[in-house]
Amino acid sequence: MDETTHAPGHQHAGPPYGYTADKDAYLRRLRRIEGQVRGIARMVEEDKYCIDILTQVAAVTKALHAVSLGLVEEHIGHCVVGAANVADPDQRAGEIDSKVKEAAEAIGRLLR
């Protein structure tokens, strides 16, 4: 399968995803978030003040939203644009619809 026809969450043999160029930056951010979550767990273990814990949860949530928005932008800029560049006009229309629908569904999940 190439990148325009793979099932969500599955590897493919085509070119890398749009975020691949920034993969190290995404991984650094996610590791930082992971450390923040461990810190929150430690705060709970140590019976810290609930408002202080909620402040840290809000910071992690904001950081995850930033990662999510970056990935949505990468999807639109790489996967949707890639679908628009499919040579076969009939296949192109279906690919564009599919990639836009994926983006809309992802955004919907972020907003819930």
PDB file of N, CA and C in Angstrom:
ATOM      1  N   MET A   1       0.832  -1.189   0.000  1.00  0.00           N
ATOM      2  CA  MET A   1       0.000   0.000   0.000  1.00  0.00           C
ATOM      3  C   MET A   1       0.869   1.241   0.000  1.00  0.00           C
ATOM      4  N   ASP A   2       0.455   2.268  -0.710  1.00  0.00           N
ATOM      5  CA  ASP A   2       1.205   3.521  -0.638  1.00  0.00           C
ATOM      6  C   ASP A   2       0.582   4.423   0.416  1.00  0.00           C
ATOM      7  N   GLU A   3       1.186   5.604   0.636  1.00  0.00           N
ATOM      8  CA  GLU A   3       0.742   6.461   1.727  1.00  0.00           C
ATOM      9  C   GLU A   3      -0.672   6.988   1.560  1.00  0.00           C
ATOM     10  N   THR A   4      -1.213   6.972   0.369  1.00  0.00           N
ATOM     11  CA  THR A   4      -2.556   7.513   0.179  1.00  0.00           C
ATOM     12  C   THR A   4      -3.631   6.454   0.325  1.00  0.00           C
ATOM     13  N   THR A   5      -3.256   5.178   0.447  1.00  0.00           N
ATOM     14  CA  THR A   5      -4.272   4.146   0.548  1.00  0.00           C
ATOM     15  C   THR A   5      -4.135   3.290   1.790  1.00  0.00           C
ATOM     16  N   HIS A   6      -3.205   3.594   2.673  1.00  0.00           N
ATOM     17  CA  HIS A   6      -3.033   2.758   3.847  1.00  0.00           C
ATOM     18  C   HIS A   6      -4.166   2.972   4.837  1.00  0.00           C
ATOM     19  N   ALA A   7      -4.398   1.947   5.627  1.00  0.00           N
ATOM     20  CA  ALA A   7      -5.402   2.064   6.683  1.00  0.00           C
ATOM     21  C   ALA A   7      -4.810   2.867   7.830  1.00  0.00           C
ATOM     22  N   PRO A   8      -5.634   3.660   8.521  1.00  0.00           N
ATOM     23  CA  PRO A   8      -5.121   4.468   9.630  1.00  0.00           C
ATOM     24  C   PRO A   8      -4.395   3.602  10.652  1.00  0.00           C
ATOM     25  N   GLY A   9      -3.251   4.104  11.099  1.00  0.00           N
ATOM     26  CA  GLY A   9      -2.483   3.400  12.119  1.00  0.00           C
ATOM     27  C   GLY A   9      -1.607   2.279  11.605  1.00  0.00           C
ATOM     28  N   HIS A  10      -1.547   2.073  10.309  1.00  0.00           N
ATOM     29  CA  HIS A  10      -0.746   0.988   9.750  1.00  0.00           C
ATOM     30  C   HIS A  10       0.456   1.543   9.006  1.00  0.00           C
ATOM     31  N   GLN A  11       1.535   0.791   9.027  1.00  0.00           N
ATOM     32  CA  GLN A  11       2.736   1.175   8.302  1.00  0.00           C
ATOM     33  C   GLN A  11       2.492   0.992   6.803  1.00  0.00           C
ATOM     34  N   HIS A  12       3.273   1.685   6.016  1.00  0.00           N
ATOM     35  CA  HIS A  12       3.141   1.574   4.571  1.00  0.00           C
ATOM     36  C   HIS A  12       4.535   1.642   3.965  1.00  0.00           C
ATOM     37  N   ALA A  13       4.619   1.264   2.695  1.00  0.00           N
ATOM     38  CA  ALA A  13       5.914   1.221   2.030  1.00  0.00           C
ATOM     39  C   ALA A  13       6.245   2.525   1.317  1.00  0.00           C
ATOM     40  N   GLY A  14       5.320   3.452   1.250  1.00  0.00           N
ATOM     41  CA  GLY A  14       5.524   4.704   0.522  1.00  0.00           C
ATOM     42  C   GLY A  14       6.422   5.669   1.277  1.00  0.00           C
ATOM     43  N   PRO A  15       6.476   6.898   0.805  1.00  0.00           N
ATOM     44  CA  PRO A  15       7.301   7.911   1.440  1.00  0.00           C
ATOM     45  C   PRO A  15       6.852   8.167   2.879  1.00  0.00           C
ATOM     46  N   PRO A  16       7.705   8.783   3.681  1.00  0.00           N
ATOM     47  CA  PRO A  16       7.345   9.019   5.078  1.00  0.00           C
ATOM     48  C   PRO A  16       6.184   9.994   5.211  1.00  0.00           C
ATOM     49  N   TYR A  17       5.599   9.990   6.371  1.00  0.00           N
ATOM     50  CA  TYR A  17       4.525  10.938   6.673  1.00  0.00           C
ATOM     51  C   TYR A  17       5.090  12.341   6.750  1.00  0.00           C
ATOM     52  N   GLY A  18       4.216  13.344   6.751  1.00  0.00           N
ATOM     53  CA  GLY A  18       4.640  14.733   6.782  1.00  0.00           C
ATOM     54  C   GLY A  18       5.425  15.111   8.023  1.00  0.00           C
ATOM     55  N   TYR A  19       5.136  14.474   9.153  1.00  0.00           N
ATOM     56  CA  TYR A  19       5.834  14.836  10.390  1.00  0.00           C
ATOM     57  C   TYR A  19       7.236  14.249  10.475  1.00  0.00           C
ATOM     58  N   THR A  20       7.594  13.372   9.561  1.00  0.00           N
ATOM     59  CA  THR A  20       8.865  12.662   9.648  1.00  0.00           C
ATOM     60  C   THR A  20      10.059  13.612   9.738  1.00  0.00           C
ATOM     61  N   ALA A  21      10.019  14.717   9.007  1.00  0.00           N
ATOM     62  CA  ALA A  21      11.131  15.671   9.048  1.00  0.00           C
ATOM     63  C   ALA A  21      11.293  16.281  10.439  1.00  0.00           C
ATOM     64  N   ASP A  22      10.188  16.386  11.182  1.00  0.00           N
ATOM     65  CA  ASP A  22      10.211  16.962  12.529  1.00  0.00           C
ATOM     66  C   ASP A  22      10.084  15.898  13.612  1.00  0.00           C
ATOM     67  N   LYS A  23      10.306  14.665  13.259  1.00  0.00           N
ATOM     68  CA  LYS A  23      10.104  13.542  14.174  1.00  0.00           C
ATOM     69  C   LYS A  23      10.884  13.719  15.476  1.00  0.00           C
ATOM     70  N   ASP A  24      12.148  14.118  15.396  1.00  0.00           N
ATOM     71  CA  ASP A  24      12.951  14.282  16.610  1.00  0.00           C
ATOM     72  C   ASP A  24      12.362  15.355  17.514  1.00  0.00           C
ATOM     73  N   ALA A  25      11.881  16.442  16.943  1.00  0.00           N
ATOM     74  CA  ALA A  25      11.262  17.507  17.747  1.00  0.00           C
ATOM     75  C   ALA A  25       9.985  16.996  18.406  1.00  0.00           C
ATOM     76  N   TYR A  26       9.170  16.249  17.662  1.00  0.00           N
ATOM     77  CA  TYR A  26       7.957  15.675  18.251  1.00  0.00           C
ATOM     78  C   TYR A  26       8.316  14.727  19.389  1.00  0.00           C
ATOM     79  N   LEU A  27       9.321  13.894  19.180  1.00  0.00           N
ATOM     80  CA  LEU A  27       9.722  12.952  20.231  1.00  0.00           C
ATOM     81  C   LEU A  27      10.232  13.683  21.465  1.00  0.00           C
ATOM     82  N   ARG A  28      10.992  14.761  21.286  1.00  0.00           N
ATOM     83  CA  ARG A  28      11.458  15.552  22.437  1.00  0.00           C
ATOM     84  C   ARG A  28      10.279  16.126  23.211  1.00  0.00           C
ATOM     85  N   ARG A  29       9.329  16.673  22.482  1.00  0.00           N
ATOM     86  CA  ARG A  29       8.150  17.244  23.140  1.00  0.00           C
ATOM     87  C   ARG A  29       7.368  16.177  23.882  1.00  0.00           C
ATOM     88  N   LEU A  30       7.191  15.014  23.261  1.00  0.00           N
ATOM     89  CA  LEU A  30       6.448  13.933  23.905  1.00  0.00           C
ATOM     90  C   LEU A  30       7.179  13.400  25.130  1.00  0.00           C
ATOM     91  N   ARG A  31       8.483  13.334  25.069  1.00  0.00           N
ATOM     92  CA  ARG A  31       9.251  12.892  26.249  1.00  0.00           C
ATOM     93  C   ARG A  31       9.132  13.902  27.388  1.00  0.00           C
ATOM     94  N   ARG A  32       9.126  15.185  27.031  1.00  0.00           N
ATOM     95  CA  ARG A  32       8.940  16.231  28.033  1.00  0.00           C
ATOM     96  C   ARG A  32       7.556  16.092  28.678  1.00  0.00           C
ATOM     97  N   ILE A  33       6.540  15.846  27.863  1.00  0.00           N
ATOM     98  CA  ILE A  33       5.182  15.649  28.362  1.00  0.00           C
ATOM     99  C   ILE A  33       5.128  14.417  29.262  1.00  0.00           C
ATOM    100  N   GLU A  34       5.795  13.365  28.830  1.00  0.00           N
ATOM    101  CA  GLU A  34       5.844  12.140  29.631  1.00  0.00           C
ATOM    102  C   GLU A  34       6.426  12.433  31.014  1.00  0.00           C
ATOM    103  N   GLY A  35       7.486  13.231  31.056  1.00  0.00           N
ATOM    104  CA  GLY A  35       8.084  13.618  32.332  1.00  0.00           C
ATOM    105  C   GLY A  35       7.122  14.435  33.178  1.00  0.00           C
ATOM    106  N   GLN A  36       6.363  15.327  32.531  1.00  0.00           N
ATOM    107  CA  GLN A  36       5.369  16.114  33.252  1.00  0.00           C
ATOM    108  C   GLN A  36       4.295  15.211  33.859  1.00  0.00           C
ATOM    109  N   VAL A  37       3.859  14.198  33.113  1.00  0.00           N
ATOM    110  CA  VAL A  37       2.839  13.271  33.615  1.00  0.00           C
ATOM    111  C   VAL A  37       3.393  12.487  34.801  1.00  0.00           C
ATOM    112  N   ARG A  38       4.633  12.037  34.721  1.00  0.00           N
ATOM    113  CA  ARG A  38       5.247  11.360  35.872  1.00  0.00           C
ATOM    114  C   ARG A  38       5.291  12.289  37.085  1.00  0.00           C
ATOM    115  N   GLY A  39       5.574  13.570  36.816  1.00  0.00           N
ATOM    116  CA  GLY A  39       5.583  14.552  37.905  1.00  0.00           C
ATOM    117  C   GLY A  39       4.210  14.705  38.541  1.00  0.00           C
ATOM    118  N   ILE A  40       3.168  14.670  37.727  1.00  0.00           N
ATOM    119  CA  ILE A  40       1.804  14.760  38.253  1.00  0.00           C
ATOM    120  C   ILE A  40       1.500  13.540  39.123  1.00  0.00           C
ATOM    121  N   ALA A  41       1.882  12.366  38.645  1.00  0.00           N
ATOM    122  CA  ALA A  41       1.665  11.146  39.438  1.00  0.00           C
ATOM    123  C   ALA A  41       2.392  11.252  40.775  1.00  0.00           C
ATOM    124  N   ARG A  42       3.594  11.791  40.745  1.00  0.00           N
ATOM    125  CA  ARG A  42       4.371  11.969  41.980  1.00  0.00           C
ATOM    126  C   ARG A  42       3.653  12.953  42.917  1.00  0.00           C
ATOM    127  N   MET A  43       3.089  14.009  42.338  1.00  0.00           N
ATOM    128  CA  MET A  43       2.342  14.977  43.150  1.00  0.00           C
ATOM    129  C   MET A  43       1.158  14.304  43.850  1.00  0.00           C
ATOM    130  N   VAL A  44       0.453  13.434  43.127  1.00  0.00           N
ATOM    131  CA  VAL A  44      -0.679  12.715  43.725  1.00  0.00           C
ATOM    132  C   VAL A  44      -0.171  11.792  44.836  1.00  0.00           C
ATOM    133  N   GLU A  45       0.913  11.050  44.551  1.00  0.00           N
ATOM    134  CA  GLU A  45       1.483  10.162  45.563  1.00  0.00           C
ATOM    135  C   GLU A  45       1.860  10.921  46.828  1.00  0.00           C
ATOM    136  N   GLU A  46       2.333  12.148  46.654  1.00  0.00           N
ATOM    137  CA  GLU A  46       2.800  12.960  47.782  1.00  0.00           C
ATOM    138  C   GLU A  46       1.693  13.835  48.370  1.00  0.00           C
ATOM    139  N   ASP A  47       0.441  13.596  47.953  1.00  0.00           N
ATOM    140  CA  ASP A  47      -0.707  14.346  48.475  1.00  0.00           C
ATOM    141  C   ASP A  47      -0.549  15.855  48.350  1.00  0.00           C
ATOM    142  N   LYS A  48      -0.108  16.304  47.184  1.00  0.00           N
ATOM    143  CA  LYS A  48       0.029  17.741  46.937  1.00  0.00           C
ATOM    144  C   LYS A  48      -1.355  18.374  46.795  1.00  0.00           C
ATOM    145  N   TYR A  49      -1.394  19.678  46.883  1.00  0.00           N
ATOM    146  CA  TYR A  49      -2.632  20.444  46.811  1.00  0.00           C
ATOM    147  C   TYR A  49      -3.294  20.238  45.453  1.00  0.00           C
ATOM    148  N   CYS A  50      -4.608  19.992  45.487  1.00  0.00           N
ATOM    149  CA  CYS A  50      -5.336  19.637  44.260  1.00  0.00           C
ATOM    150  C   CYS A  50      -5.232  20.710  43.180  1.00  0.00           C
ATOM    151  N   ILE A  51      -5.253  21.964  43.534  1.00  0.00           N
ATOM    152  CA  ILE A  51      -5.172  23.034  42.539  1.00  0.00           C
ATOM    153  C   ILE A  51      -3.806  23.033  41.856  1.00  0.00           C
ATOM    154  N   ASP A  52      -2.763  22.714  42.597  1.00  0.00           N
ATOM    155  CA  ASP A  52      -1.430  22.615  41.994  1.00  0.00           C
ATOM    156  C   ASP A  52      -1.372  21.457  41.002  1.00  0.00           C
ATOM    157  N   ILE A  53      -2.022  20.356  41.337  1.00  0.00           N
ATOM    158  CA  ILE A  53      -2.070  19.201  40.428  1.00  0.00           C
ATOM    159  C   ILE A  53      -2.858  19.578  39.170  1.00  0.00           C
ATOM    160  N   LEU A  54      -3.997  20.223  39.354  1.00  0.00           N
ATOM    161  CA  LEU A  54      -4.815  20.629  38.202  1.00  0.00           C
ATOM    162  C   LEU A  54      -4.066  21.600  37.300  1.00  0.00           C
ATOM    163  N   THR A  55      -3.258  22.458  37.883  1.00  0.00           N
ATOM    164  CA  THR A  55      -2.448  23.387  37.087  1.00  0.00           C
ATOM    165  C   THR A  55      -1.484  22.610  36.197  1.00  0.00           C
ATOM    166  N   GLN A  56      -0.882  21.576  36.744  1.00  0.00           N
ATOM    167  CA  GLN A  56       0.038  20.753  35.962  1.00  0.00           C
ATOM    168  C   GLN A  56      -0.696  19.935  34.901  1.00  0.00           C
ATOM    169  N   VAL A  57      -1.886  19.442  35.226  1.00  0.00           N
ATOM    170  CA  VAL A  57      -2.692  18.715  34.236  1.00  0.00           C
ATOM    171  C   VAL A  57      -3.035  19.651  33.075  1.00  0.00           C
ATOM    172  N   ALA A  58      -3.385  20.896  33.381  1.00  0.00           N
ATOM    173  CA  ALA A  58      -3.700  21.866  32.329  1.00  0.00           C
ATOM    174  C   ALA A  58      -2.483  22.113  31.440  1.00  0.00           C
ATOM    175  N   ALA A  59      -1.290  22.161  32.033  1.00  0.00           N
ATOM    176  CA  ALA A  59      -0.068  22.376  31.251  1.00  0.00           C
ATOM    177  C   ALA A  59       0.191  21.200  30.314  1.00  0.00           C
ATOM    178  N   VAL A  60      -0.020  19.990  30.799  1.00  0.00           N
ATOM    179  CA  VAL A  60       0.162  18.799  29.958  1.00  0.00           C
ATOM    180  C   VAL A  60      -0.872  18.778  28.837  1.00  0.00           C
ATOM    181  N   THR A  61      -2.101  19.117  29.175  1.00  0.00           N
ATOM    182  CA  THR A  61      -3.164  19.153  28.171  1.00  0.00           C
ATOM    183  C   THR A  61      -2.818  20.148  27.069  1.00  0.00           C
ATOM    184  N   LYS A  62      -2.347  21.326  27.452  1.00  0.00           N
ATOM    185  CA  LYS A  62      -1.963  22.345  26.473  1.00  0.00           C
ATOM    186  C   LYS A  62      -0.807  21.841  25.601  1.00  0.00           C
ATOM    187  N   ALA A  63       0.167  21.183  26.209  1.00  0.00           N
ATOM    188  CA  ALA A  63       1.306  20.654  25.451  1.00  0.00           C
ATOM    189  C   ALA A  63       0.853  19.579  24.466  1.00  0.00           C
ATOM    190  N   LEU A  64      -0.058  18.706  24.885  1.00  0.00           N
ATOM    191  CA  LEU A  64      -0.575  17.672  23.982  1.00  0.00           C
ATOM    192  C   LEU A  64      -1.387  18.287  22.849  1.00  0.00           C
ATOM    193  N   HIS A  65      -2.138  19.331  23.152  1.00  0.00           N
ATOM    194  CA  HIS A  65      -2.887  20.005  22.082  1.00  0.00           C
ATOM    195  C   HIS A  65      -1.929  20.609  21.060  1.00  0.00           C
ATOM    196  N   ALA A  66      -0.817  21.166  21.528  1.00  0.00           N
ATOM    197  CA  ALA A  66       0.161  21.735  20.594  1.00  0.00           C
ATOM    198  C   ALA A  66       0.729  20.650  19.676  1.00  0.00           C
ATOM    199  N   VAL A  67       1.030  19.487  20.234  1.00  0.00           N
ATOM    200  CA  VAL A  67       1.519  18.364  19.419  1.00  0.00           C
ATOM    201  C   VAL A  67       0.428  17.954  18.426  1.00  0.00           C
ATOM    202  N   SER A  68      -0.797  17.845  18.908  1.00  0.00           N
ATOM    203  CA  SER A  68      -1.909  17.438  18.049  1.00  0.00           C
ATOM    204  C   SER A  68      -2.116  18.404  16.891  1.00  0.00           C
ATOM    205  N   LEU A  69      -2.103  19.685  17.185  1.00  0.00           N
ATOM    206  CA  LEU A  69      -2.290  20.678  16.123  1.00  0.00           C
ATOM    207  C   LEU A  69      -1.159  20.620  15.106  1.00  0.00           C
ATOM    208  N   GLY A  70       0.055  20.394  15.576  1.00  0.00           N
ATOM    209  CA  GLY A  70       1.182  20.240  14.659  1.00  0.00           C
ATOM    210  C   GLY A  70       0.989  19.051  13.732  1.00  0.00           C
ATOM    211  N   LEU A  71       0.516  17.942  14.290  1.00  0.00           N
ATOM    212  CA  LEU A  71       0.288  16.747  13.479  1.00  0.00           C
ATOM    213  C   LEU A  71      -0.855  16.949  12.483  1.00  0.00           C
ATOM    214  N   VAL A  72      -1.903  17.660  12.903  1.00  0.00           N
ATOM    215  CA  VAL A  72      -2.996  17.959  11.969  1.00  0.00           C
ATOM    216  C   VAL A  72      -2.467  18.817  10.824  1.00  0.00           C
ATOM    217  N   GLU A  73      -1.673  19.816  11.161  1.00  0.00           N
ATOM    218  CA  GLU A  73      -1.095  20.678  10.122  1.00  0.00           C
ATOM    219  C   GLU A  73      -0.217  19.867   9.169  1.00  0.00           C
ATOM    220  N   GLU A  74       0.586  18.972   9.719  1.00  0.00           N
ATOM    221  CA  GLU A  74       1.436  18.114   8.882  1.00  0.00           C
ATOM    222  C   GLU A  74       0.579  17.224   7.985  1.00  0.00           C
ATOM    223  N   HIS A  75      -0.513  16.686   8.538  1.00  0.00           N
ATOM    224  CA  HIS A  75      -1.396  15.820   7.743  1.00  0.00           C
ATOM    225  C   HIS A  75      -1.971  16.592   6.563  1.00  0.00           C
ATOM    226  N   ILE A  76      -2.447  17.792   6.836  1.00  0.00           N
ATOM    227  CA  ILE A  76      -3.032  18.593   5.760  1.00  0.00           C
ATOM    228  C   ILE A  76      -1.964  18.970   4.738  1.00  0.00           C
ATOM    229  N   GLY A  77      -0.822  19.427   5.217  1.00  0.00           N
ATOM    230  CA  GLY A  77       0.235  19.882   4.319  1.00  0.00           C
ATOM    231  C   GLY A  77       0.909  18.773   3.539  1.00  0.00           C
ATOM    232  N   HIS A  78       0.885  17.571   4.050  1.00  0.00           N
ATOM    233  CA  HIS A  78       1.581  16.470   3.377  1.00  0.00           C
ATOM    234  C   HIS A  78       0.604  15.464   2.776  1.00  0.00           C
ATOM    235  N   CYS A  79      -0.261  14.913   3.599  1.00  0.00           N
ATOM    236  CA  CYS A  79      -1.139  13.840   3.132  1.00  0.00           C
ATOM    237  C   CYS A  79      -2.265  14.354   2.228  1.00  0.00           C
ATOM    238  N   VAL A  80      -2.907  15.445   2.628  1.00  0.00           N
ATOM    239  CA  VAL A  80      -3.983  15.987   1.801  1.00  0.00           C
ATOM    240  C   VAL A  80      -3.410  16.548   0.503  1.00  0.00           C
ATOM    241  N   VAL A  81      -2.327  17.308   0.614  1.00  0.00           N
ATOM    242  CA  VAL A  81      -1.686  17.850  -0.590  1.00  0.00           C
ATOM    243  C   VAL A  81      -1.174  16.712  -1.471  1.00  0.00           C
ATOM    244  N   GLY A  82      -0.640  15.664  -0.854  1.00  0.00           N
ATOM    245  CA  GLY A  82      -0.186  14.501  -1.625  1.00  0.00           C
ATOM    246  C   GLY A  82      -1.326  13.852  -2.380  1.00  0.00           C
ATOM    247  N   ALA A  83      -2.482  13.773  -1.731  1.00  0.00           N
ATOM    248  CA  ALA A  83      -3.655  13.209  -2.408  1.00  0.00           C
ATOM    249  C   ALA A  83      -4.066  14.078  -3.592  1.00  0.00           C
ATOM    250  N   ALA A  84      -3.918  15.379  -3.453  1.00  0.00           N
ATOM    251  CA  ALA A  84      -4.265  16.295  -4.547  1.00  0.00           C
ATOM    252  C   ALA A  84      -3.327  16.144  -5.737  1.00  0.00           C
ATOM    253  N   ASN A  85      -2.164  15.549  -5.504  1.00  0.00           N
ATOM    254  CA  ASN A  85      -1.182  15.364  -6.570  1.00  0.00           C
ATOM    255  C   ASN A  85      -1.230  13.985  -7.211  1.00  0.00           C
ATOM    256  N   VAL A  86      -2.212  13.153  -6.839  1.00  0.00           N
ATOM    257  CA  VAL A  86      -2.362  11.837  -7.465  1.00  0.00           C
ATOM    258  C   VAL A  86      -2.686  12.053  -8.941  1.00  0.00           C
ATOM    259  N   ALA A  87      -1.990  11.333  -9.810  1.00  0.00           N
ATOM    260  CA  ALA A  87      -2.109  11.549 -11.255  1.00  0.00           C
ATOM    261  C   ALA A  87      -3.491  11.216 -11.815  1.00  0.00           C
ATOM    262  N   ASP A  88      -4.040  10.092 -11.423  1.00  0.00           N
ATOM    263  CA  ASP A  88      -5.329   9.653 -11.955  1.00  0.00           C
ATOM    264  C   ASP A  88      -6.458  10.514 -11.358  1.00  0.00           C
ATOM    265  N   PRO A  89      -7.198  11.251 -12.191  1.00  0.00           N
ATOM    266  CA  PRO A  89      -8.238  12.160 -11.678  1.00  0.00           C
ATOM    267  C   PRO A  89      -9.321  11.455 -10.850  1.00  0.00           C
ATOM    268  N   ASP A  90      -9.727  10.264 -11.272  1.00  0.00           N
ATOM    269  CA  ASP A  90     -10.764   9.542 -10.525  1.00  0.00           C
ATOM    270  C   ASP A  90     -10.238   9.113  -9.157  1.00  0.00           C
ATOM    271  N   GLN A  91      -9.035   8.604  -9.133  1.00  0.00           N
ATOM    272  CA  GLN A  91      -8.438   8.188  -7.863  1.00  0.00           C
ATOM    273  C   GLN A  91      -8.153   9.414  -6.987  1.00  0.00           C
ATOM    274  N   ARG A  92      -7.712  10.501  -7.604  1.00  0.00           N
ATOM    275  CA  ARG A  92      -7.374  11.732  -6.877  1.00  0.00           C
ATOM    276  C   ARG A  92      -8.562  12.223  -6.047  1.00  0.00           C
ATOM    277  N   ALA A  93      -9.739  12.287  -6.664  1.00  0.00           N
ATOM    278  CA  ALA A  93     -10.926  12.780  -5.954  1.00  0.00           C
ATOM    279  C   ALA A  93     -11.216  11.938  -4.720  1.00  0.00           C
ATOM    280  N   GLY A  94     -11.132  10.638  -4.863  1.00  0.00           N
ATOM    281  CA  GLY A  94     -11.365   9.741  -3.726  1.00  0.00           C
ATOM    282  C   GLY A  94     -10.310   9.894  -2.640  1.00  0.00           C
ATOM    283  N   GLU A  95      -9.064  10.050  -3.052  1.00  0.00           N
ATOM    284  CA  GLU A  95      -7.968  10.213  -2.092  1.00  0.00           C
ATOM    285  C   GLU A  95      -8.112  11.518  -1.316  1.00  0.00           C
ATOM    286  N   ILE A  96      -8.450  12.587  -2.029  1.00  0.00           N
ATOM    287  CA  ILE A  96      -8.637  13.882  -1.366  1.00  0.00           C
ATOM    288  C   ILE A  96      -9.770  13.779  -0.349  1.00  0.00           C
ATOM    289  N   ASP A  97     -10.894  13.219  -0.770  1.00  0.00           N
ATOM    290  CA  ASP A  97     -12.028  13.059   0.146  1.00  0.00           C
ATOM    291  C   ASP A  97     -11.639  12.258   1.377  1.00  0.00           C
ATOM    292  N   SER A  98     -10.901  11.180   1.160  1.00  0.00           N
ATOM    293  CA  SER A  98     -10.487  10.319   2.259  1.00  0.00           C
ATOM    294  C   SER A  98      -9.577  11.054   3.248  1.00  0.00           C
ATOM    295  N   LYS A  99      -8.593  11.771   2.729  1.00  0.00           N
ATOM    296  CA  LYS A  99      -7.634  12.473   3.594  1.00  0.00           C
ATOM    297  C   LYS A  99      -8.281  13.639   4.331  1.00  0.00           C
ATOM    298  N   VAL A 100      -9.183  14.356   3.657  1.00  0.00           N
ATOM    299  CA  VAL A 100      -9.892  15.456   4.315  1.00  0.00           C
ATOM    300  C   VAL A 100     -10.802  14.898   5.405  1.00  0.00           C
ATOM    301  N   LYS A 101     -11.470  13.780   5.120  1.00  0.00           N
ATOM    302  CA  LYS A 101     -12.343  13.150   6.118  1.00  0.00           C
ATOM    303  C   LYS A 101     -11.518  12.701   7.328  1.00  0.00           C
ATOM    304  N   GLU A 102     -10.346  12.108   7.087  1.00  0.00           N
ATOM    305  CA  GLU A 102      -9.468  11.716   8.199  1.00  0.00           C
ATOM    306  C   GLU A 102      -9.123  12.924   9.061  1.00  0.00           C
ATOM    307  N   ALA A 103      -8.771  14.039   8.416  1.00  0.00           N
ATOM    308  CA  ALA A 103      -8.416  15.251   9.155  1.00  0.00           C
ATOM    309  C   ALA A 103      -9.603  15.754   9.959  1.00  0.00           C
ATOM    310  N   ALA A 104     -10.784  15.794   9.353  1.00  0.00           N
ATOM    311  CA  ALA A 104     -11.977  16.275  10.045  1.00  0.00           C
ATOM    312  C   ALA A 104     -12.310  15.389  11.243  1.00  0.00           C
ATOM    313  N   GLU A 105     -12.189  14.076  11.074  1.00  0.00           N
ATOM    314  CA  GLU A 105     -12.464  13.153  12.174  1.00  0.00           C
ATOM    315  C   GLU A 105     -11.448  13.330  13.300  1.00  0.00           C
ATOM    316  N   ALA A 106     -10.188  13.527  12.938  1.00  0.00           N
ATOM    317  CA  ALA A 106      -9.148  13.745  13.947  1.00  0.00           C
ATOM    318  C   ALA A 106      -9.409  15.021  14.729  1.00  0.00           C
ATOM    319  N   ILE A 107      -9.767  16.073  14.008  1.00  0.00           N
ATOM    320  CA  ILE A 107     -10.089  17.348  14.666  1.00  0.00           C
ATOM    321  C   ILE A 107     -11.293  17.165  15.585  1.00  0.00           C
ATOM    322  N   GLY A 108     -12.295  16.434  15.121  1.00  0.00           N
ATOM    323  CA  GLY A 108     -13.463  16.159  15.945  1.00  0.00           C
ATOM    324  C   GLY A 108     -13.091  15.440  17.236  1.00  0.00           C
ATOM    325  N   ARG A 109     -12.191  14.473  17.142  1.00  0.00           N
ATOM    326  CA  ARG A 109     -11.750  13.760  18.362  1.00  0.00           C
ATOM    327  C   ARG A 109     -11.024  14.704  19.307  1.00  0.00           C
ATOM    328  N   LEU A 110     -10.268  15.644  18.768  1.00  0.00           N
ATOM    329  CA  LEU A 110      -9.545  16.602  19.609  1.00  0.00           C
ATOM    330  C   LEU A 110     -10.509  17.536  20.325  1.00  0.00           C
ATOM    331  N   LEU A 111     -11.633  17.824  19.709  1.00  0.00           N
ATOM    332  CA  LEU A 111     -12.591  18.775  20.291  1.00  0.00           C
ATOM    333  C   LEU A 111     -13.532  18.154  21.306  1.00  0.00           C
ATOM    334  N   ARG A 112     -13.584  16.837  21.369  1.00  0.00           N
ATOM    335  CA  ARG A 112     -14.485  16.175  22.334  1.00  0.00           C
ATOM    336  C   ARG A 112     -13.951  16.281  23.719  1.00  0.00           C
TER     337      ARG A 112
END
